[in-house]
C-alpha atoms as a PDB file:
ATOM      1  CA  MET A   1      -9.457   5.338  20.926  1.00  0.00           C
ATOM      2  CA  LEU A   2     -12.416   5.074  19.065  1.00  0.00           C
ATOM      3  CA  LEU A   3     -15.684   2.768  20.134  1.00  0.00           C
ATOM      4  CA  ALA A   4     -17.074   0.460  18.077  1.00  0.00           C
ATOM      5  CA  LEU A   5     -20.459   1.260  18.095  1.00  0.00           C
ATOM      6  CA  LEU A   6     -22.434  -2.186  19.503  1.00  0.00           C
ATOM      7  CA  GLY A   7     -21.227  -3.066  22.719  1.00  0.00           C
ATOM      8  CA  GLY A   8     -17.903  -0.459  23.366  1.00  0.00           C
ATOM      9  CA  VAL A   9     -15.023  -2.221  22.595  1.00  0.00           C
ATOM     10  CA  PRO A  10     -11.761  -0.558  21.463  1.00  0.00           C
ATOM     11  CA  ALA A  11     -11.774  -0.121  17.518  1.00  0.00           C
ATOM     12  CA  LEU A  12      -9.068  -1.864  15.927  1.00  0.00           C
ATOM     13  CA  ALA A  13      -6.385   0.201  13.267  1.00  0.00           C
ATOM     14  CA  ALA A  14      -4.770  -1.283  10.698  1.00  0.00           C
ATOM     15  CA  GLN A  15      -1.109  -1.613  12.924  1.00  0.00           C
ATOM     16  CA  PRO A  16       2.258  -1.376  11.007  1.00  0.00           C
ATOM     17  CA  ALA A  17       3.550  -5.189   9.903  1.00  0.00           C
ATOM     18  CA  GLN A  18       6.615  -4.952  11.271  1.00  0.00           C
ATOM     19  CA  THR A  19       6.098  -8.619  12.526  1.00  0.00           C
ATOM     20  CA  GLY A  20       4.819  -9.657   8.864  1.00  0.00           C
ATOM     21  CA  ALA A  21       6.382 -11.943   6.627  1.00  0.00           C
ATOM     22  CA  SER A  22       8.640 -10.068   4.509  1.00  0.00           C
ATOM     23  CA  ALA A  23      10.386 -10.130   0.635  1.00  0.00           C
ATOM     24  CA  ARG A  24      12.661  -8.891  -1.511  1.00  0.00           C
ATOM     25  CA  TYR A  25      12.111  -7.435  -5.212  1.00  0.00           C
ATOM     26  CA  VAL A  26      14.725  -7.000  -7.942  1.00  0.00           C
ATOM     27  CA  CYS A  27      12.650  -4.412 -10.306  1.00  0.00           C
ATOM     28  CA  SER A  28      12.790  -3.858 -14.312  1.00  0.00           C
ATOM     29  CA  ASP A  29      13.921  -0.413 -13.947  1.00  0.00           C
ATOM     30  CA  GLY A  30      16.749  -1.582 -11.088  1.00  0.00           C
ATOM     31  CA  ARG A  31      15.348  -0.821  -8.608  1.00  0.00           C
ATOM     32  CA  ALA A  32      15.129  -2.758  -5.138  1.00  0.00           C
ATOM     33  CA  ILE A  33      13.264  -2.698  -2.457  1.00  0.00           C
ATOM     34  CA  GLU A  34      11.543  -4.952   0.381  1.00  0.00           C
ATOM     35  CA  VAL A  35       8.455  -4.933   1.140  1.00  0.00           C
ATOM     36  CA  ILE A  36       6.831  -7.016   4.963  1.00  0.00           C
ATOM     37  CA  TYR A  37       3.375  -8.143   5.337  1.00  0.00           C
ATOM     38  CA  GLY A  38       1.069  -8.145   7.745  1.00  0.00           C
ATOM     39  CA  GLY A  39      -1.749  -7.755   8.588  1.00  0.00           C
ATOM     40  CA  GLY A  40      -4.498  -6.592   6.310  1.00  0.00           C
ATOM     41  CA  VAL A  41      -0.962  -4.308   4.849  1.00  0.00           C
ATOM     42  CA  ALA A  42       1.703  -3.904   3.510  1.00  0.00           C
ATOM     43  CA  VAL A  43       5.280  -1.879   3.820  1.00  0.00           C
ATOM     44  CA  ILE A  44       7.419  -0.918   1.096  1.00  0.00           C
ATOM     45  CA  THR A  45      10.658   0.808   1.321  1.00  0.00           C
ATOM     46  CA  VAL A  46      11.519   2.726  -2.167  1.00  0.00           C
ATOM     47  CA  ASP A  47      14.211   4.842  -2.344  1.00  0.00           C
ATOM     48  CA  GLY A  48      15.033   5.089   1.079  1.00  0.00           C
ATOM     49  CA  ALA A  49      11.430   5.475   1.563  1.00  0.00           C
ATOM     50  CA  THR A  50       9.578   3.411   4.026  1.00  0.00           C
ATOM     51  CA  SER A  51       5.184   3.509   3.235  1.00  0.00           C
ATOM     52  CA  GLN A  52       2.500   2.198   4.868  1.00  0.00           C
ATOM     53  CA  LEU A  53      -0.576   0.783   1.983  1.00  0.00           C
ATOM     54  CA  ALA A  54      -2.974  -1.342   2.877  1.00  0.00           C
ATOM     55  CA  ARG A  55      -4.860  -3.621   1.131  1.00  0.00           C
ATOM     56  CA  ALA A  56      -7.479  -3.092  -1.804  1.00  0.00           C
ATOM     57  CA  PRO A  57      -9.930  -5.064  -2.889  1.00  0.00           C
ATOM     58  CA  SER A  58      -8.128  -7.188  -6.447  1.00  0.00           C
ATOM     59  CA  ALA A  59      -9.287  -9.654  -8.903  1.00  0.00           C
ATOM     60  CA  ASP A  60      -5.695 -11.021  -8.269  1.00  0.00           C
ATOM     61  CA  GLY A  61      -2.267 -11.242  -6.885  1.00  0.00           C
ATOM     62  CA  GLU A  62      -3.043  -9.113  -3.308  1.00  0.00           C
ATOM     63  CA  ARG A  63      -2.998  -5.222  -3.975  1.00  0.00           C
ATOM     64  CA  TYR A  64      -1.695  -2.584  -1.690  1.00  0.00           C
ATOM     65  CA  ILE A  65      -2.172   1.541  -2.007  1.00  0.00           C
ATOM     66  CA  GLY A  66      -0.922   4.074   0.083  1.00  0.00           C
ATOM     67  CA  ASN A  67       1.056   7.213   0.292  1.00  0.00           C
ATOM     68  CA  GLY A  68       1.505   7.441  -3.969  1.00  0.00           C
ATOM     69  CA  TRP A  69       1.964   4.046  -4.100  1.00  0.00           C
ATOM     70  CA  GLN A  70       0.243   0.654  -5.581  1.00  0.00           C
ATOM     71  CA  TRP A  71       1.961  -2.848  -5.309  1.00  0.00           C
ATOM     72  CA  TRP A  72      -0.091  -5.646  -6.429  1.00  0.00           C
ATOM     73  CA  SER A  73       1.403  -9.628  -5.856  1.00  0.00           C
ATOM     74  CA  LYS A  74       1.140 -11.749  -7.569  1.00  0.00           C
ATOM     75  CA  ALA A  75       1.891 -14.405  -3.979  1.00  0.00           C
ATOM     76  CA  THR A  76       5.923 -14.068  -2.852  1.00  0.00           C
ATOM     77  CA  ARG A  77       7.485 -14.308  -5.918  1.00  0.00           C
ATOM     78  CA  SER A  78       6.640 -11.332  -7.473  1.00  0.00           C
ATOM     79  CA  GLY A  79       4.584  -7.944  -8.547  1.00  0.00           C
ATOM     80  CA  THR A  80       3.975  -5.097 -10.012  1.00  0.00           C
ATOM     81  CA  LEU A  81       4.806  -0.998  -8.476  1.00  0.00           C
ATOM     82  CA  ALA A  82       3.202   1.576  -9.502  1.00  0.00           C
ATOM     83  CA  ARG A  83       2.802   5.859  -8.278  1.00  0.00           C
ATOM     84  CA  LEU A  84      -0.742   6.676  -7.927  1.00  0.00           C
ATOM     85  CA  ALA A  85      -2.018   9.699  -9.663  1.00  0.00           C
ATOM     86  CA  GLU A  86      -3.384  12.029  -7.976  1.00  0.00           C
ATOM     87  CA  GLY A  87      -6.825  11.597  -7.261  1.00  0.00           C
ATOM     88  CA  LYS A  88      -6.862   8.232  -8.027  1.00  0.00           C
ATOM     89  CA  ASP A  89      -6.642   4.731  -5.921  1.00  0.00           C
ATOM     90  CA  VAL A  90      -5.921   2.174  -9.292  1.00  0.00           C
ATOM     91  CA  ALA A  91      -2.610   2.770 -10.713  1.00  0.00           C
ATOM     92  CA  SER A  92      -1.595   1.461 -15.262  1.00  0.00           C
ATOM     93  CA  GLY A  93       1.865   0.886 -15.674  1.00  0.00           C
ATOM     94  CA  GLY A  94       4.319   0.616 -13.103  1.00  0.00           C
ATOM     95  CA  THR A  95       7.394  -2.452 -13.357  1.00  0.00           C
ATOM     96  CA  THR A  96       8.553  -5.431 -13.063  1.00  0.00           C
ATOM     97  CA  CYS A  97       9.356  -6.875 -10.011  1.00  0.00           C
ATOM     98  CA  ARG A  98      11.272 -10.024  -8.895  1.00  0.00           C
ATOM     99  CA  ALA A  99      12.253 -12.153  -5.761  1.00  0.00           C
ATOM    100  CA  PRO A 100      15.752 -12.661  -6.326  1.00  0.00           C
END
């Protein structure tokens, strides 16, 4: 475990959002996804695969990126799921997803 530079306090790594708020969405491309929010991360399940995404800067809503995905949510009622191009940290386009 890494030690913080000041005071020898262990640095805390981002923990998976295992007990946060959970939401399900149906996307305009026919996908159904689940997102678990908590601890500055979002864990998404898309096409049967689970990925942990870290919170990223956003002017509006909450945006998460990681493992080639971007999830940009507006509260927990809707969001946009998009693939990140290699080497990019902001996606354009994507599919709109809404809570049923």
